[in-house]
Amino acid sequence: MDNFLASCLTKFQYYKSLGDKTFAQLSTEQLLWQPNDSSNSIALLVKHLSGNMLSRWTDFLNTDGEKENRNRDLEFENTWTDRKELLDHWNAGWNCLFQAIESLEEGDLKKIIYIRNEEHTVMEAILRQVAHYPYHIGQIVYIGKICMDEKWSSLSIPKGASASYNKEKFNREK
């Protein structure tokens, strides 16, 4: 089970890095851009993710994951204009998550915690977030690709490069 915690931590770090690499390619205006009123900007997605992380991971083992001071609806209202504020919230959410996961021990995984008064084992709660955060980070990356168009630097295997990538991988020792 220690491998489970280490694996989840590695996955969370990887998905954070995809967001970080996307932000590095974009201007403040692009971070705030919304394709239409019913869609989210990257800034709104960051607001939602950081709000979720701070709510879920603060005092993780002892209090409900939906904190009373969280106003989820405000996470989808565009109030940010500053890149630094966006990145500070992004990092605060991730730091809260990383500290919570790093503090856990194998014996904690079967403990019961609550999210919106719904019972979860710690393991189930972690898996819930392992599914939730990449969903939104995929949206962030997709919006970034739309904004950058031909100037986008791929975060994975670039189009048309699969054969050379696979050749390099399969030429290595197992």
N, C-alpha and C. Protein backbone atom coordinates (compact mmCIF):
# COMPACT_ATOMS: atom_id res chain seq x y z
N MET A 1 0.81 -1.20 0.00
CA MET A 1 0.00 0.00 0.00
C MET A 1 0.85 1.26 0.00
N ASP A 2 2.06 1.18 0.55
CA ASP A 2 2.95 2.33 0.44
C ASP A 2 3.21 2.64 -1.03
N ASN A 3 3.23 1.59 -1.86
CA ASN A 3 3.38 1.80 -3.30
C ASN A 3 2.17 2.54 -3.86
N PHE A 4 0.99 2.29 -3.31
CA PHE A 4 -0.21 3.00 -3.75
C PHE A 4 -0.06 4.49 -3.50
N LEU A 5 0.35 4.86 -2.30
CA LEU A 5 0.52 6.28 -1.97
C LEU A 5 1.59 6.92 -2.84
N ALA A 6 2.71 6.23 -3.01
CA ALA A 6 3.80 6.76 -3.83
C ALA A 6 3.35 6.90 -5.28
N SER A 7 2.61 5.91 -5.77
CA SER A 7 2.11 5.96 -7.15
C SER A 7 1.13 7.11 -7.33
N CYS A 8 0.23 7.30 -6.39
CA CYS A 8 -0.73 8.41 -6.49
C CYS A 8 0.00 9.75 -6.44
N LEU A 9 0.97 9.86 -5.58
CA LEU A 9 1.74 11.10 -5.48
C LEU A 9 2.44 11.39 -6.81
N THR A 10 3.03 10.36 -7.41
CA THR A 10 3.69 10.52 -8.71
C THR A 10 2.70 10.96 -9.78
N LYS A 11 1.51 10.37 -9.79
CA LYS A 11 0.48 10.75 -10.76
C LYS A 11 0.05 12.20 -10.56
N PHE A 12 -0.18 12.59 -9.32
CA PHE A 12 -0.57 13.98 -9.05
C PHE A 12 0.53 14.94 -9.50
N GLN A 13 1.79 14.61 -9.23
CA GLN A 13 2.91 15.47 -9.65
C GLN A 13 2.95 15.59 -11.17
N TYR A 14 2.71 14.47 -11.85
CA TYR A 14 2.71 14.49 -13.32
C TYR A 14 1.61 15.41 -13.85
N TYR A 15 0.40 15.28 -13.32
CA TYR A 15 -0.69 16.11 -13.82
C TYR A 15 -0.49 17.58 -13.48
N LYS A 16 0.08 17.88 -12.33
CA LYS A 16 0.43 19.27 -12.02
C LYS A 16 1.41 19.80 -13.05
N SER A 17 2.39 18.97 -13.41
CA SER A 17 3.41 19.42 -14.38
C SER A 17 2.78 19.72 -15.74
N LEU A 18 1.74 18.99 -16.14
CA LEU A 18 1.07 19.30 -17.40
C LEU A 18 0.44 20.69 -17.35
N GLY A 19 -0.18 21.02 -16.22
CA GLY A 19 -0.73 22.36 -16.05
C GLY A 19 0.38 23.40 -16.07
N ASP A 20 1.45 23.16 -15.32
CA ASP A 20 2.57 24.11 -15.27
C ASP A 20 3.13 24.37 -16.66
N LYS A 21 3.31 23.31 -17.43
CA LYS A 21 3.89 23.45 -18.78
C LYS A 21 2.92 24.17 -19.72
N THR A 22 1.63 24.01 -19.49
CA THR A 22 0.65 24.74 -20.29
C THR A 22 0.69 26.22 -19.94
N PHE A 23 0.67 26.54 -18.65
CA PHE A 23 0.70 27.94 -18.22
C PHE A 23 1.93 28.66 -18.77
N ALA A 24 3.07 27.97 -18.81
CA ALA A 24 4.32 28.57 -19.28
C ALA A 24 4.23 29.02 -20.74
N GLN A 25 3.35 28.40 -21.51
CA GLN A 25 3.22 28.74 -22.93
C GLN A 25 2.23 29.86 -23.21
N LEU A 26 1.45 30.24 -22.20
CA LEU A 26 0.32 31.14 -22.43
C LEU A 26 0.50 32.51 -21.81
N SER A 27 -0.10 33.50 -22.44
CA SER A 27 -0.15 34.85 -21.88
C SER A 27 -1.25 34.92 -20.82
N THR A 28 -1.27 35.97 -20.05
CA THR A 28 -2.33 36.18 -19.07
C THR A 28 -3.69 36.24 -19.79
N GLU A 29 -3.75 36.91 -20.92
CA GLU A 29 -5.00 37.02 -21.67
C GLU A 29 -5.50 35.64 -22.08
N GLN A 30 -4.59 34.77 -22.48
CA GLN A 30 -4.99 33.42 -22.88
C GLN A 30 -5.47 32.60 -21.68
N LEU A 31 -4.88 32.81 -20.52
CA LEU A 31 -5.33 32.12 -19.32
C LEU A 31 -6.76 32.52 -18.94
N LEU A 32 -7.13 33.74 -19.29
CA LEU A 32 -8.45 34.27 -18.95
C LEU A 32 -9.48 34.07 -20.06
N TRP A 33 -9.05 33.65 -21.23
CA TRP A 33 -9.93 33.52 -22.40
C TRP A 33 -10.97 32.42 -22.21
N GLN A 34 -12.22 32.77 -22.59
CA GLN A 34 -13.33 31.81 -22.59
C GLN A 34 -13.90 31.73 -24.00
N PRO A 35 -14.07 30.52 -24.54
CA PRO A 35 -14.63 30.43 -25.88
C PRO A 35 -16.07 30.96 -25.96
N ASN A 36 -16.82 30.83 -24.87
CA ASN A 36 -18.18 31.37 -24.80
C ASN A 36 -18.58 31.41 -23.33
N ASP A 37 -19.73 32.00 -23.05
CA ASP A 37 -20.16 32.20 -21.66
C ASP A 37 -20.43 30.91 -20.90
N SER A 38 -20.77 29.85 -21.61
CA SER A 38 -21.07 28.59 -20.92
C SER A 38 -19.83 27.70 -20.75
N SER A 39 -18.70 28.17 -21.23
CA SER A 39 -17.45 27.41 -21.10
C SER A 39 -16.57 28.04 -20.03
N ASN A 40 -15.60 27.27 -19.59
CA ASN A 40 -14.66 27.76 -18.58
C ASN A 40 -13.37 28.24 -19.24
N SER A 41 -12.78 29.25 -18.64
CA SER A 41 -11.42 29.65 -19.00
C SER A 41 -10.46 28.79 -18.19
N ILE A 42 -9.20 28.85 -18.54
CA ILE A 42 -8.19 28.17 -17.73
C ILE A 42 -8.20 28.73 -16.32
N ALA A 43 -8.35 30.05 -16.19
CA ALA A 43 -8.38 30.67 -14.86
C ALA A 43 -9.51 30.11 -14.01
N LEU A 44 -10.68 29.91 -14.61
CA LEU A 44 -11.80 29.35 -13.84
C LEU A 44 -11.53 27.90 -13.45
N LEU A 45 -10.92 27.14 -14.33
CA LEU A 45 -10.58 25.76 -14.00
C LEU A 45 -9.56 25.71 -12.86
N VAL A 46 -8.60 26.62 -12.88
CA VAL A 46 -7.62 26.69 -11.79
C VAL A 46 -8.31 27.07 -10.49
N LYS A 47 -9.22 28.03 -10.55
CA LYS A 47 -9.97 28.44 -9.36
C LYS A 47 -10.74 27.26 -8.77
N HIS A 48 -11.38 26.49 -9.65
CA HIS A 48 -12.14 25.33 -9.20
C HIS A 48 -11.21 24.26 -8.62
N LEU A 49 -10.14 23.95 -9.31
CA LEU A 49 -9.21 22.93 -8.81
C LEU A 49 -8.60 23.32 -7.47
N SER A 50 -8.14 24.56 -7.37
CA SER A 50 -7.52 24.97 -6.11
C SER A 50 -8.56 25.01 -4.98
N GLY A 51 -9.76 25.46 -5.28
CA GLY A 51 -10.82 25.45 -4.27
C GLY A 51 -11.14 24.04 -3.81
N ASN A 52 -11.21 23.13 -4.75
CA ASN A 52 -11.47 21.73 -4.43
C ASN A 52 -10.33 21.15 -3.59
N MET A 53 -9.11 21.38 -4.02
CA MET A 53 -7.96 20.82 -3.30
C MET A 53 -7.88 21.34 -1.87
N LEU A 54 -8.05 22.64 -1.70
CA LEU A 54 -7.96 23.21 -0.35
C LEU A 54 -9.09 22.67 0.53
N SER A 55 -10.26 22.47 -0.06
CA SER A 55 -11.38 21.93 0.71
C SER A 55 -11.16 20.45 1.04
N ARG A 56 -10.79 19.67 0.05
CA ARG A 56 -10.65 18.23 0.25
C ARG A 56 -9.48 17.84 1.14
N TRP A 57 -8.34 18.52 0.99
CA TRP A 57 -7.10 18.03 1.60
C TRP A 57 -6.74 18.73 2.91
N THR A 58 -7.40 19.82 3.25
CA THR A 58 -7.15 20.48 4.53
C THR A 58 -7.78 19.64 5.63
N ASP A 59 -7.00 19.28 6.64
CA ASP A 59 -7.48 18.46 7.76
C ASP A 59 -8.21 17.23 7.24
N PHE A 60 -7.61 16.60 6.25
CA PHE A 60 -8.17 15.52 5.44
C PHE A 60 -8.79 14.38 6.25
N LEU A 61 -8.11 13.94 7.29
CA LEU A 61 -8.59 12.77 8.04
C LEU A 61 -9.64 13.11 9.10
N ASN A 62 -9.83 14.40 9.39
CA ASN A 62 -10.66 14.75 10.53
C ASN A 62 -11.93 15.55 10.22
N THR A 63 -11.97 16.21 9.07
CA THR A 63 -13.14 17.03 8.76
C THR A 63 -13.68 16.68 7.39
N ASP A 64 -14.95 16.96 7.17
CA ASP A 64 -15.57 16.68 5.88
C ASP A 64 -14.79 17.39 4.77
N GLY A 65 -14.63 16.73 3.65
CA GLY A 65 -13.89 17.28 2.52
C GLY A 65 -14.55 18.45 1.84
N GLU A 66 -15.80 18.70 2.13
CA GLU A 66 -16.48 19.88 1.61
C GLU A 66 -16.59 20.87 2.76
N LYS A 67 -15.60 21.74 2.87
CA LYS A 67 -15.52 22.67 3.99
C LYS A 67 -16.62 23.73 3.91
N GLU A 68 -17.07 24.16 5.07
CA GLU A 68 -18.14 25.16 5.15
C GLU A 68 -17.74 26.48 4.51
N ASN A 69 -16.44 26.81 4.53
CA ASN A 69 -16.01 28.10 4.00
C ASN A 69 -15.79 28.07 2.48
N ARG A 70 -15.96 26.91 1.85
CA ARG A 70 -15.81 26.83 0.40
C ARG A 70 -17.09 27.33 -0.27
N ASN A 71 -16.91 28.18 -1.27
CA ASN A 71 -18.04 28.62 -2.07
C ASN A 71 -17.78 28.16 -3.50
N ARG A 72 -18.18 26.94 -3.81
CA ARG A 72 -17.89 26.33 -5.10
C ARG A 72 -18.45 27.16 -6.26
N ASP A 73 -19.62 27.74 -6.09
CA ASP A 73 -20.21 28.53 -7.18
C ASP A 73 -19.32 29.71 -7.57
N LEU A 74 -18.66 30.33 -6.60
CA LEU A 74 -17.77 31.46 -6.91
C LEU A 74 -16.53 31.02 -7.68
N GLU A 75 -16.20 29.73 -7.61
CA GLU A 75 -15.05 29.23 -8.37
C GLU A 75 -15.28 29.35 -9.87
N PHE A 76 -16.52 29.49 -10.29
CA PHE A 76 -16.85 29.58 -11.71
C PHE A 76 -17.26 30.99 -12.12
N GLU A 77 -16.89 31.98 -11.28
CA GLU A 77 -17.08 33.39 -11.63
C GLU A 77 -15.72 34.00 -11.86
N ASN A 78 -15.59 34.69 -12.98
CA ASN A 78 -14.30 35.23 -13.36
C ASN A 78 -13.99 36.51 -12.58
N THR A 79 -13.15 36.38 -11.58
CA THR A 79 -12.76 37.54 -10.77
C THR A 79 -11.26 37.80 -10.84
N TRP A 80 -10.51 36.92 -11.47
CA TRP A 80 -9.06 37.08 -11.53
C TRP A 80 -8.65 37.82 -12.79
N THR A 81 -7.65 38.66 -12.62
CA THR A 81 -7.06 39.35 -13.77
C THR A 81 -5.54 39.22 -13.74
N ASP A 82 -5.05 38.61 -12.70
CA ASP A 82 -3.61 38.59 -12.45
C ASP A 82 -3.05 37.17 -12.55
N ARG A 83 -2.04 36.99 -13.36
CA ARG A 83 -1.39 35.69 -13.54
C ARG A 83 -0.80 35.17 -12.24
N LYS A 84 -0.15 36.05 -11.47
CA LYS A 84 0.48 35.65 -10.21
C LYS A 84 -0.56 35.10 -9.24
N GLU A 85 -1.72 35.75 -9.14
CA GLU A 85 -2.79 35.27 -8.27
C GLU A 85 -3.23 33.87 -8.68
N LEU A 86 -3.40 33.67 -9.97
CA LEU A 86 -3.80 32.37 -10.50
C LEU A 86 -2.76 31.30 -10.12
N LEU A 87 -1.50 31.58 -10.37
CA LEU A 87 -0.44 30.61 -10.08
C LEU A 87 -0.27 30.37 -8.59
N ASP A 88 -0.46 31.42 -7.79
CA ASP A 88 -0.37 31.26 -6.33
C ASP A 88 -1.47 30.31 -5.83
N HIS A 89 -2.68 30.46 -6.34
CA HIS A 89 -3.77 29.57 -5.94
C HIS A 89 -3.54 28.15 -6.43
N TRP A 90 -3.09 28.01 -7.66
CA TRP A 90 -2.75 26.70 -8.23
C TRP A 90 -1.76 25.99 -7.32
N ASN A 91 -0.68 26.68 -6.97
CA ASN A 91 0.37 26.06 -6.14
C ASN A 91 -0.10 25.81 -4.71
N ALA A 92 -0.93 26.68 -4.16
CA ALA A 92 -1.44 26.47 -2.80
C ALA A 92 -2.29 25.21 -2.74
N GLY A 93 -3.12 25.01 -3.74
CA GLY A 93 -3.95 23.79 -3.78
C GLY A 93 -3.09 22.54 -3.86
N TRP A 94 -2.13 22.54 -4.77
CA TRP A 94 -1.25 21.37 -4.92
C TRP A 94 -0.41 21.14 -3.67
N ASN A 95 0.10 22.21 -3.07
CA ASN A 95 0.91 22.04 -1.85
C ASN A 95 0.08 21.42 -0.74
N CYS A 96 -1.16 21.81 -0.62
CA CYS A 96 -2.06 21.23 0.39
C CYS A 96 -2.24 19.74 0.12
N LEU A 97 -2.49 19.39 -1.14
CA LEU A 97 -2.65 17.99 -1.53
C LEU A 97 -1.38 17.19 -1.23
N PHE A 98 -0.23 17.70 -1.68
CA PHE A 98 1.03 16.96 -1.48
C PHE A 98 1.33 16.75 0.00
N GLN A 99 1.11 17.76 0.82
CA GLN A 99 1.35 17.61 2.26
C GLN A 99 0.43 16.56 2.86
N ALA A 100 -0.82 16.56 2.44
CA ALA A 100 -1.78 15.58 2.97
C ALA A 100 -1.38 14.15 2.58
N ILE A 101 -1.07 13.94 1.31
CA ILE A 101 -0.70 12.60 0.84
C ILE A 101 0.60 12.14 1.51
N GLU A 102 1.57 13.04 1.60
CA GLU A 102 2.86 12.67 2.20
C GLU A 102 2.74 12.35 3.68
N SER A 103 1.71 12.85 4.33
CA SER A 103 1.54 12.58 5.76
C SER A 103 0.84 11.24 6.03
N LEU A 104 0.27 10.64 4.99
CA LEU A 104 -0.47 9.40 5.17
C LEU A 104 0.45 8.20 5.30
N GLU A 105 -0.06 7.20 6.02
CA GLU A 105 0.64 5.92 6.17
C GLU A 105 -0.29 4.82 5.67
N GLU A 106 0.27 3.67 5.42
CA GLU A 106 -0.50 2.55 4.90
C GLU A 106 -1.77 2.30 5.71
N GLY A 107 -1.67 2.37 7.02
CA GLY A 107 -2.82 2.10 7.88
C GLY A 107 -3.95 3.10 7.73
N ASP A 108 -3.66 4.26 7.17
CA ASP A 108 -4.69 5.29 6.98
C ASP A 108 -5.63 4.98 5.82
N LEU A 109 -5.21 4.13 4.90
CA LEU A 109 -5.96 3.93 3.66
C LEU A 109 -7.35 3.33 3.88
N LYS A 110 -7.53 2.58 4.95
CA LYS A 110 -8.84 1.97 5.22
C LYS A 110 -9.70 2.83 6.15
N LYS A 111 -9.14 3.92 6.66
CA LYS A 111 -9.92 4.81 7.51
C LYS A 111 -11.07 5.42 6.73
N ILE A 112 -12.11 5.77 7.44
CA ILE A 112 -13.28 6.39 6.83
C ILE A 112 -13.18 7.90 6.97
N ILE A 113 -13.39 8.58 5.85
CA ILE A 113 -13.49 10.03 5.85
C ILE A 113 -14.79 10.38 5.13
N TYR A 114 -15.15 11.65 5.13
CA TYR A 114 -16.40 12.08 4.51
C TYR A 114 -16.17 13.20 3.52
N ILE A 115 -16.91 13.14 2.43
CA ILE A 115 -16.97 14.22 1.45
C ILE A 115 -18.45 14.48 1.21
N ARG A 116 -18.89 15.68 1.56
CA ARG A 116 -20.31 16.05 1.51
C ARG A 116 -21.16 15.04 2.29
N ASN A 117 -20.64 14.66 3.42
CA ASN A 117 -21.31 13.74 4.34
C ASN A 117 -21.46 12.33 3.78
N GLU A 118 -20.75 12.02 2.70
CA GLU A 118 -20.76 10.69 2.10
C GLU A 118 -19.48 9.96 2.52
N GLU A 119 -19.64 8.75 3.01
CA GLU A 119 -18.53 7.96 3.53
C GLU A 119 -17.63 7.44 2.40
N HIS A 120 -16.32 7.58 2.62
CA HIS A 120 -15.31 7.05 1.71
C HIS A 120 -14.18 6.48 2.55
N THR A 121 -13.54 5.43 2.07
CA THR A 121 -12.25 5.09 2.68
C THR A 121 -11.27 6.14 2.16
N VAL A 122 -10.16 6.29 2.84
CA VAL A 122 -9.13 7.23 2.39
C VAL A 122 -8.70 6.84 0.97
N MET A 123 -8.55 5.54 0.72
CA MET A 123 -8.16 5.10 -0.61
C MET A 123 -9.18 5.53 -1.66
N GLU A 124 -10.46 5.36 -1.37
CA GLU A 124 -11.51 5.78 -2.31
C GLU A 124 -11.47 7.29 -2.55
N ALA A 125 -11.25 8.04 -1.49
CA ALA A 125 -11.20 9.50 -1.62
C ALA A 125 -10.02 9.93 -2.49
N ILE A 126 -8.89 9.27 -2.32
CA ILE A 126 -7.72 9.59 -3.16
C ILE A 126 -8.03 9.25 -4.62
N LEU A 127 -8.58 8.07 -4.85
CA LEU A 127 -8.90 7.67 -6.23
C LEU A 127 -9.91 8.60 -6.87
N ARG A 128 -10.84 9.09 -6.07
CA ARG A 128 -11.83 10.07 -6.57
C ARG A 128 -11.11 11.28 -7.14
N GLN A 129 -10.09 11.76 -6.45
CA GLN A 129 -9.38 12.95 -6.90
C GLN A 129 -8.39 12.62 -8.02
N VAL A 130 -7.84 11.41 -8.02
CA VAL A 130 -6.96 10.99 -9.12
C VAL A 130 -7.75 11.00 -10.44
N ALA A 131 -9.05 10.78 -10.37
CA ALA A 131 -9.90 10.84 -11.56
C ALA A 131 -10.36 12.27 -11.86
N HIS A 132 -10.65 13.03 -10.83
CA HIS A 132 -11.22 14.38 -11.00
C HIS A 132 -10.20 15.37 -11.57
N TYR A 133 -9.03 15.45 -10.99
CA TYR A 133 -8.07 16.48 -11.39
C TYR A 133 -7.58 16.33 -12.82
N PRO A 134 -7.23 15.12 -13.29
CA PRO A 134 -6.80 14.99 -14.69
C PRO A 134 -7.90 15.37 -15.69
N TYR A 135 -9.15 15.17 -15.32
CA TYR A 135 -10.27 15.57 -16.18
C TYR A 135 -10.17 17.07 -16.48
N HIS A 136 -9.98 17.87 -15.44
CA HIS A 136 -9.90 19.32 -15.62
C HIS A 136 -8.56 19.75 -16.21
N ILE A 137 -7.50 19.07 -15.87
CA ILE A 137 -6.20 19.42 -16.43
C ILE A 137 -6.19 19.13 -17.93
N GLY A 138 -6.88 18.08 -18.35
CA GLY A 138 -7.05 17.84 -19.79
C GLY A 138 -7.76 19.01 -20.46
N GLN A 139 -8.75 19.58 -19.79
CA GLN A 139 -9.44 20.76 -20.33
C GLN A 139 -8.47 21.94 -20.43
N ILE A 140 -7.65 22.11 -19.40
CA ILE A 140 -6.66 23.20 -19.40
C ILE A 140 -5.71 23.05 -20.59
N VAL A 141 -5.20 21.85 -20.79
CA VAL A 141 -4.27 21.59 -21.89
C VAL A 141 -4.97 21.84 -23.23
N TYR A 142 -6.19 21.37 -23.36
CA TYR A 142 -6.93 21.54 -24.61
C TYR A 142 -7.15 23.02 -24.93
N ILE A 143 -7.54 23.80 -23.94
CA ILE A 143 -7.72 25.24 -24.15
C ILE A 143 -6.38 25.87 -24.53
N GLY A 144 -5.31 25.44 -23.86
CA GLY A 144 -3.98 25.94 -24.21
C GLY A 144 -3.61 25.65 -25.65
N LYS A 145 -3.92 24.46 -26.11
CA LYS A 145 -3.63 24.09 -27.51
C LYS A 145 -4.44 24.96 -28.47
N ILE A 146 -5.69 25.22 -28.14
CA ILE A 146 -6.52 26.08 -28.99
C ILE A 146 -5.92 27.48 -29.05
N CYS A 147 -5.52 28.01 -27.90
CA CYS A 147 -4.96 29.36 -27.85
C CYS A 147 -3.65 29.48 -28.63
N MET A 148 -2.83 28.48 -28.55
CA MET A 148 -1.49 28.54 -29.16
C MET A 148 -1.48 28.09 -30.62
N ASP A 149 -2.44 27.28 -31.01
CA ASP A 149 -2.55 26.79 -32.38
C ASP A 149 -1.21 26.18 -32.83
N GLU A 150 -0.64 26.66 -33.90
CA GLU A 150 0.59 26.09 -34.45
C GLU A 150 1.81 26.32 -33.56
N LYS A 151 1.73 27.25 -32.63
CA LYS A 151 2.86 27.56 -31.74
C LYS A 151 2.90 26.67 -30.50
N TRP A 152 1.92 25.79 -30.36
CA TRP A 152 1.84 24.90 -29.20
C TRP A 152 3.03 23.95 -29.18
N SER A 153 3.67 23.83 -28.02
CA SER A 153 4.72 22.83 -27.82
C SER A 153 4.09 21.63 -27.14
N SER A 154 4.11 20.51 -27.82
CA SER A 154 3.45 19.30 -27.33
C SER A 154 3.96 18.89 -25.95
N LEU A 155 3.06 18.40 -25.13
CA LEU A 155 3.41 17.91 -23.79
C LEU A 155 3.55 16.39 -23.79
N SER A 156 3.33 15.78 -24.92
CA SER A 156 3.46 14.32 -25.04
C SER A 156 4.15 14.03 -26.37
N ILE A 157 3.79 12.95 -27.01
CA ILE A 157 4.38 12.61 -28.30
C ILE A 157 3.74 13.51 -29.35
N PRO A 158 4.53 14.34 -30.04
CA PRO A 158 3.96 15.24 -31.05
C PRO A 158 3.33 14.47 -32.21
N LYS A 159 2.37 15.09 -32.86
CA LYS A 159 1.75 14.49 -34.04
C LYS A 159 2.83 14.11 -35.04
N GLY A 160 2.70 12.92 -35.59
CA GLY A 160 3.62 12.46 -36.61
C GLY A 160 4.93 11.91 -36.08
N ALA A 161 5.09 11.86 -34.77
CA ALA A 161 6.36 11.41 -34.19
C ALA A 161 6.24 10.08 -33.46
N SER A 162 5.11 9.40 -33.59
CA SER A 162 4.91 8.14 -32.85
C SER A 162 5.90 7.07 -33.25
N ALA A 163 6.16 6.92 -34.53
CA ALA A 163 7.07 5.85 -34.98
C ALA A 163 8.47 6.05 -34.42
N SER A 164 8.99 7.26 -34.50
CA SER A 164 10.35 7.50 -33.99
C SER A 164 10.39 7.38 -32.47
N TYR A 165 9.33 7.81 -31.80
CA TYR A 165 9.25 7.68 -30.35
C TYR A 165 9.26 6.21 -29.95
N ASN A 166 8.41 5.41 -30.61
CA ASN A 166 8.35 3.98 -30.30
C ASN A 166 9.67 3.28 -30.63
N LYS A 167 10.28 3.65 -31.73
CA LYS A 167 11.57 3.04 -32.11
C LYS A 167 12.60 3.28 -31.00
N GLU A 168 12.66 4.49 -30.50
CA GLU A 168 13.59 4.82 -29.41
C GLU A 168 13.28 3.99 -28.17
N LYS A 169 12.01 3.88 -27.81
CA LYS A 169 11.61 3.12 -26.61
C LYS A 169 11.93 1.64 -26.75
N PHE A 170 11.64 1.06 -27.91
CA PHE A 170 11.83 -0.38 -28.09
C PHE A 170 13.28 -0.76 -28.35
N ASN A 171 14.14 0.22 -28.61
CA ASN A 171 15.57 -0.06 -28.76
C ASN A 171 16.30 -0.11 -27.43
N ARG A 172 15.61 0.23 -26.35
CA ARG A 172 16.19 0.20 -25.00
C ARG A 172 16.04 -1.17 -24.37
N GLU A 173 16.91 -1.45 -23.43
CA GLU A 173 16.78 -2.67 -22.63
C GLU A 173 15.53 -2.54 -21.76
N LYS A 174 14.91 -3.69 -21.48
CA LYS A 174 13.74 -3.70 -20.59
C LYS A 174 14.17 -3.52 -19.16
